Structures are given as C-alpha cells and as structure tokens.
Amino acid sequence: MVRPRWRKTGTAQRLHEALLADRTEALAALLVDPDHPKVEALYETWGYRRIGNRQPFPDSPNFTVMLRDLSVPLAS
C-alpha cells in the first residue's frame, strides 16, 4: 500500500515494476477481491488479465485470479 501523500503519482506502479524486474518466472499471479473492480482495472493497466475465480481455501473468499506474462515488457 502506498501512503496517501504518494497516491496517484505512479509510485505504486514503479514499486511493483521494481519488484518484478529481476524475476525469472514466466508469469506473475494476483488474487484480487472481486468487490474492488477499480483495483482489478488498475492491475489491467499494469499488464494483468483476468483469467477466472478461485477460492484457495474452503473458508476463504472467492477471489478474481489475474495473470501477467513477465516475458512481455509493459508498454509505456
């Protein structure tokens, strides 16, 4: 989470990209709360795509699953 003062400045995306920069995996995966469509839309702008839903544990919520191909550079 980015502190309020730094929100809407691109800081979250820059931090996210820095964390992924040296990863050797082919894909990055996110589980997103489906009650937050704005968060899902933000991740789509970061190169993620929605692939379905998943309930990882019987007592957990049902999440939206999003993937990003790390072999494809994110367009600026």
Protein backbone atom coordinates (compact mmCIF):
# COMPACT_ATOMS: atom_id res chain seq x y z
CA MET A 1 0.00 0.00 0.00
CA VAL A 2 1.22 3.45 -0.86
CA ARG A 3 0.86 6.24 1.68
CA PRO A 4 -1.91 8.74 0.84
CA ARG A 5 0.52 11.56 0.03
CA TRP A 6 2.13 9.44 -2.72
CA ARG A 7 -1.04 8.00 -4.26
CA LYS A 8 -1.89 8.87 -7.87
CA THR A 9 1.77 9.69 -8.58
CA GLY A 10 2.74 6.41 -10.25
CA THR A 11 4.69 5.32 -7.17
CA ALA A 12 2.77 2.05 -6.72
CA GLN A 13 3.41 1.02 -10.31
CA ARG A 14 7.10 1.91 -10.11
CA LEU A 15 7.48 -0.13 -6.91
CA HIS A 16 5.60 -3.02 -8.48
CA GLU A 17 7.77 -2.94 -11.61
CA ALA A 18 10.93 -2.82 -9.50
CA LEU A 19 9.81 -5.93 -7.61
CA LEU A 20 9.17 -7.80 -10.86
CA ALA A 21 12.21 -6.55 -12.77
CA ASP A 22 14.63 -9.37 -11.93
CA ARG A 23 12.13 -12.21 -11.67
CA THR A 24 12.87 -15.25 -13.80
CA GLU A 25 9.37 -16.71 -13.67
CA ALA A 26 7.24 -16.62 -16.80
CA LEU A 27 4.12 -15.33 -15.06
CA ALA A 28 3.03 -13.21 -12.12
CA ALA A 29 -0.29 -14.02 -10.45
CA LEU A 30 -2.58 -11.92 -8.28
CA LEU A 31 -5.66 -12.74 -6.26
CA VAL A 32 -7.95 -9.71 -6.22
CA ASP A 33 -11.04 -9.09 -4.11
CA PRO A 34 -13.89 -9.00 -6.65
CA ASP A 35 -15.64 -6.37 -4.53
CA HIS A 36 -12.99 -3.90 -5.72
CA PRO A 37 -13.38 -3.54 -9.51
CA LYS A 38 -11.24 -0.39 -9.55
CA VAL A 39 -8.29 -2.40 -8.22
CA GLU A 40 -8.82 -5.01 -10.92
CA ALA A 41 -8.97 -2.26 -13.56
CA LEU A 42 -5.71 -0.78 -12.23
CA TYR A 43 -3.95 -4.13 -12.47
CA GLU A 44 -5.20 -4.47 -16.05
CA THR A 45 -3.39 -1.22 -16.89
CA TRP A 46 -0.27 -2.85 -15.41
CA GLY A 47 -0.49 -5.73 -17.89
CA TYR A 48 -2.53 -8.27 -15.90
CA ARG A 49 -5.50 -10.09 -17.37
CA ARG A 50 -8.39 -11.71 -15.57
CA ILE A 51 -8.44 -15.47 -16.05
CA GLY A 52 -11.14 -16.58 -13.63
CA ASN A 53 -12.01 -17.01 -9.98
CA ARG A 54 -10.58 -19.13 -7.21
CA GLN A 55 -11.35 -19.94 -3.62
CA PRO A 56 -7.92 -21.00 -2.32
CA PHE A 57 -9.24 -22.48 0.93
CA PRO A 58 -12.72 -23.68 1.93
CA ASP A 59 -13.13 -20.84 4.42
CA SER A 60 -11.64 -18.07 2.25
CA PRO A 61 -13.43 -15.64 -0.05
CA ASN A 62 -13.70 -16.27 -3.77
CA PHE A 63 -11.02 -14.15 -5.48
CA THR A 64 -10.52 -12.94 -9.03
CA VAL A 65 -7.34 -14.51 -10.48
CA MET A 66 -5.19 -12.25 -12.66
CA LEU A 67 -2.03 -13.17 -14.60
CA ARG A 68 0.70 -11.17 -16.25
CA ASP A 69 3.20 -12.52 -18.76
CA LEU A 70 6.60 -11.36 -17.47
CA SER A 71 8.33 -12.09 -20.77
CA VAL A 72 6.44 -9.23 -22.43
CA PRO A 73 7.63 -5.73 -21.49
CA LEU A 74 4.91 -3.40 -20.25
CA ALA A 75 4.19 -0.69 -22.80
CA SER A 76 4.80 2.83 -21.50
